[in-house]
Each structure stands twice: as C-alpha cells, then as structure tokens.
C-alpha atoms as a PDB file:
ATOM      1  CA  ALA A   1     -20.235  15.390 -50.535  1.00  0.00           C
ATOM      2  CA  SER A   2     -17.642  13.892 -48.323  1.00  0.00           C
ATOM      3  CA  CYS A   3     -16.906  13.395 -44.660  1.00  0.00           C
ATOM      4  CA  PRO A   4     -15.480  16.846 -43.765  1.00  0.00           C
ATOM      5  CA  SER A   5     -13.069  15.637 -41.089  1.00  0.00           C
ATOM      6  CA  TRP A   6     -11.527  12.821 -43.105  1.00  0.00           C
ATOM      7  CA  GLY A   7     -12.339  13.708 -46.709  1.00  0.00           C
ATOM      8  CA  VAL A   8     -14.071  10.369 -47.346  1.00  0.00           C
ATOM      9  CA  PRO A   9     -16.173  10.564 -50.536  1.00  0.00           C
ATOM     10  CA  ALA A  10     -19.917   9.883 -50.199  1.00  0.00           C
ATOM     11  CA  ASP A  11     -19.797   6.763 -52.385  1.00  0.00           C
ATOM     12  CA  GLU A  12     -17.090   5.316 -50.139  1.00  0.00           C
ATOM     13  CA  GLN A  13     -19.173   6.164 -47.047  1.00  0.00           C
ATOM     14  CA  VAL A  14     -22.138   4.313 -48.560  1.00  0.00           C
ATOM     15  CA  ARG A  15     -19.956   1.290 -49.384  1.00  0.00           C
ATOM     16  CA  ILE A  16     -18.622   1.168 -45.816  1.00  0.00           C
ATOM     17  CA  ALA A  17     -22.085   1.633 -44.281  1.00  0.00           C
ATOM     18  CA  LEU A  18     -23.582  -1.115 -46.442  1.00  0.00           C
ATOM     19  CA  SER A  19     -20.764  -3.501 -45.587  1.00  0.00           C
ATOM     20  CA  LYS A  20     -21.570  -2.980 -41.893  1.00  0.00           C
ATOM     21  CA  VAL A  21     -25.344  -3.307 -42.343  1.00  0.00           C
ATOM     22  CA  TYR A  22     -25.017  -6.485 -44.426  1.00  0.00           C
ATOM     23  CA  ARG A  23     -23.290  -8.205 -41.494  1.00  0.00           C
ATOM     24  CA  TYR A  24     -26.601  -8.283 -39.633  1.00  0.00           C
ATOM     25  CA  ASN A  25     -29.822 -10.212 -40.121  1.00  0.00           C
ATOM     26  CA  MET A  26     -32.261  -7.847 -38.496  1.00  0.00           C
ATOM     27  CA  ILE A  27     -35.829  -6.913 -39.196  1.00  0.00           C
ATOM     28  CA  ILE A  28     -36.987  -3.632 -37.718  1.00  0.00           C
ATOM     29  CA  VAL A  29     -40.734  -3.588 -37.125  1.00  0.00           C
ATOM     30  CA  ILE A  30     -41.950  -0.128 -38.104  1.00  0.00           C
ATOM     31  CA  GLU A  31     -44.980  -0.323 -35.790  1.00  0.00           C
ATOM     32  CA  LYS A  32     -42.690  -1.071 -32.820  1.00  0.00           C
ATOM     33  CA  LEU A  33     -40.886   2.250 -33.327  1.00  0.00           C
ATOM     34  CA  ARG A  34     -43.688   3.756 -31.219  1.00  0.00           C
ATOM     35  CA  ASP A  35     -42.252   1.879 -28.215  1.00  0.00           C
ATOM     36  CA  PRO A  36     -39.404   3.902 -26.624  1.00  0.00           C
ATOM     37  CA  SER A  37     -37.731   0.770 -25.232  1.00  0.00           C
ATOM     38  CA  TYR A  38     -37.687  -0.823 -28.719  1.00  0.00           C
ATOM     39  CA  VAL A  39     -36.167   2.336 -30.218  1.00  0.00           C
ATOM     40  CA  LYS A  40     -33.547   2.425 -27.465  1.00  0.00           C
ATOM     41  CA  ALA A  41     -32.655  -1.241 -28.081  1.00  0.00           C
ATOM     42  CA  VAL A  42     -32.201  -0.610 -31.831  1.00  0.00           C
ATOM     43  CA  GLU A  43     -30.085   2.472 -31.131  1.00  0.00           C
ATOM     44  CA  GLU A  44     -27.902   0.542 -28.688  1.00  0.00           C
ATOM     45  CA  PHE A  45     -27.537  -2.364 -31.125  1.00  0.00           C
ATOM     46  CA  PHE A  46     -26.131  -0.079 -33.823  1.00  0.00           C
ATOM     47  CA  GLY A  47     -24.424   2.365 -31.438  1.00  0.00           C
ATOM     48  CA  VAL A  48     -26.385   5.424 -32.582  1.00  0.00           C
ATOM     49  CA  ASP A  49     -28.645   7.978 -30.928  1.00  0.00           C
ATOM     50  CA  GLY A  50     -31.671   9.889 -32.180  1.00  0.00           C
ATOM     51  CA  LEU A  51     -33.154   7.212 -34.429  1.00  0.00           C
ATOM     52  CA  LEU A  52     -36.499   9.025 -34.667  1.00  0.00           C
ATOM     53  CA  GLU A  53     -35.274  12.631 -34.545  1.00  0.00           C
ATOM     54  CA  ARG A  54     -35.872  12.969 -38.287  1.00  0.00           C
ATOM     55  CA  GLY A  55     -39.485  11.863 -37.955  1.00  0.00           C
ATOM     56  CA  LYS A  56     -41.332   8.802 -39.128  1.00  0.00           C
ATOM     57  CA  PRO A  57     -39.831   6.302 -41.561  1.00  0.00           C
ATOM     58  CA  PHE A  58     -40.215   7.673 -45.074  1.00  0.00           C
ATOM     59  CA  CYS A  59     -42.217   4.766 -46.439  1.00  0.00           C
ATOM     60  CA  GLU A  60     -44.873   4.696 -43.733  1.00  0.00           C
ATOM     61  CA  ARG A  61     -47.542   6.830 -45.430  1.00  0.00           C
ATOM     62  CA  ASP A  62     -46.985   5.209 -48.820  1.00  0.00           C
ATOM     63  CA  SER A  63     -47.105   1.689 -47.409  1.00  0.00           C
ATOM     64  CA  HIS A  64     -50.303   2.408 -45.456  1.00  0.00           C
ATOM     65  CA  ARG A  65     -51.929   3.812 -48.594  1.00  0.00           C
ATOM     66  CA  ALA A  66     -50.828   0.756 -50.592  1.00  0.00           C
ATOM     67  CA  ASN A  67     -52.190  -1.570 -47.892  1.00  0.00           C
ATOM     68  CA  LEU A  68     -55.572   0.159 -48.103  1.00  0.00           C
ATOM     69  CA  MET A  69     -55.620  -0.006 -51.899  1.00  0.00           C
ATOM     70  CA  PHE A  70     -54.440  -3.624 -52.089  1.00  0.00           C
ATOM     71  CA  PRO A  71     -55.273  -5.482 -48.866  1.00  0.00           C
ATOM     72  CA  LEU A  72     -53.430  -8.728 -48.299  1.00  0.00           C
ATOM     73  CA  GLU A  73     -55.541 -11.757 -49.163  1.00  0.00           C
ATOM     74  CA  VAL A  74     -53.979 -15.015 -47.989  1.00  0.00           C
ATOM     75  CA  GLU A  75     -55.559 -18.217 -49.243  1.00  0.00           C
ATOM     76  CA  ASP A  76     -56.135 -21.044 -46.762  1.00  0.00           C
ATOM     77  CA  GLU A  77     -53.626 -23.256 -48.589  1.00  0.00           C
ATOM     78  CA  THR A  78     -50.889 -20.617 -48.263  1.00  0.00           C
ATOM     79  CA  ARG A  79     -51.725 -20.006 -44.609  1.00  0.00           C
ATOM     80  CA  GLU A  80     -51.548 -23.739 -43.905  1.00  0.00           C
ATOM     81  CA  GLY A  81     -48.180 -23.989 -45.647  1.00  0.00           C
ATOM     82  CA  LEU A  82     -46.797 -21.147 -43.545  1.00  0.00           C
ATOM     83  CA  ARG A  83     -48.188 -22.725 -40.401  1.00  0.00           C
ATOM     84  CA  ARG A  84     -46.378 -25.988 -41.214  1.00  0.00           C
ATOM     85  CA  LEU A  85     -43.108 -24.117 -41.821  1.00  0.00           C
ATOM     86  CA  ASN A  86     -43.340 -22.375 -38.465  1.00  0.00           C
END
C-alpha cells in the first residue's frame, strides 16, 4: 500500500512516522485515556484528531489478563531502591 495522493510506499511512511515518534520522550498512560482532557492533550501534542475512534488500545485486554495471571510482586529491597532514586 502507498499514500494515494503522493505515491509514498508503506515502508517509507513507516520510516518517516518512526523518525517523528523517536524525537519524543513521552509515556502515554493507557488508564488516562478515559479522561477526555488527557486524550485532547495527546491529540494536540501530535496534531491529530480521533485518537480513540478506533476503540481501545489493542493490548489492553491482553495486558489485563497477564496482570491477573502474573501479579507484580515487588520486594521491599527493590521498592526502597526505587524510592531512593526518586
């Protein structure tokens, strides 16, 4: 597939998109996508509309299932180390 208006091949589109995304250090909190103001801020940051029109993020159900199967267990030593770093 290619960009119909410009004839840009899909692999070139991916390369361009990744080069733009890699310029940013951004973590998008999946749970916050329930907040319309958060969604709007992300859309404005990247200059896009309709972030959630396609539905929920694809990994949400799988990640919730994995979290139930393998709950995070943080040892006190690890927690203390993270506390010191913060």
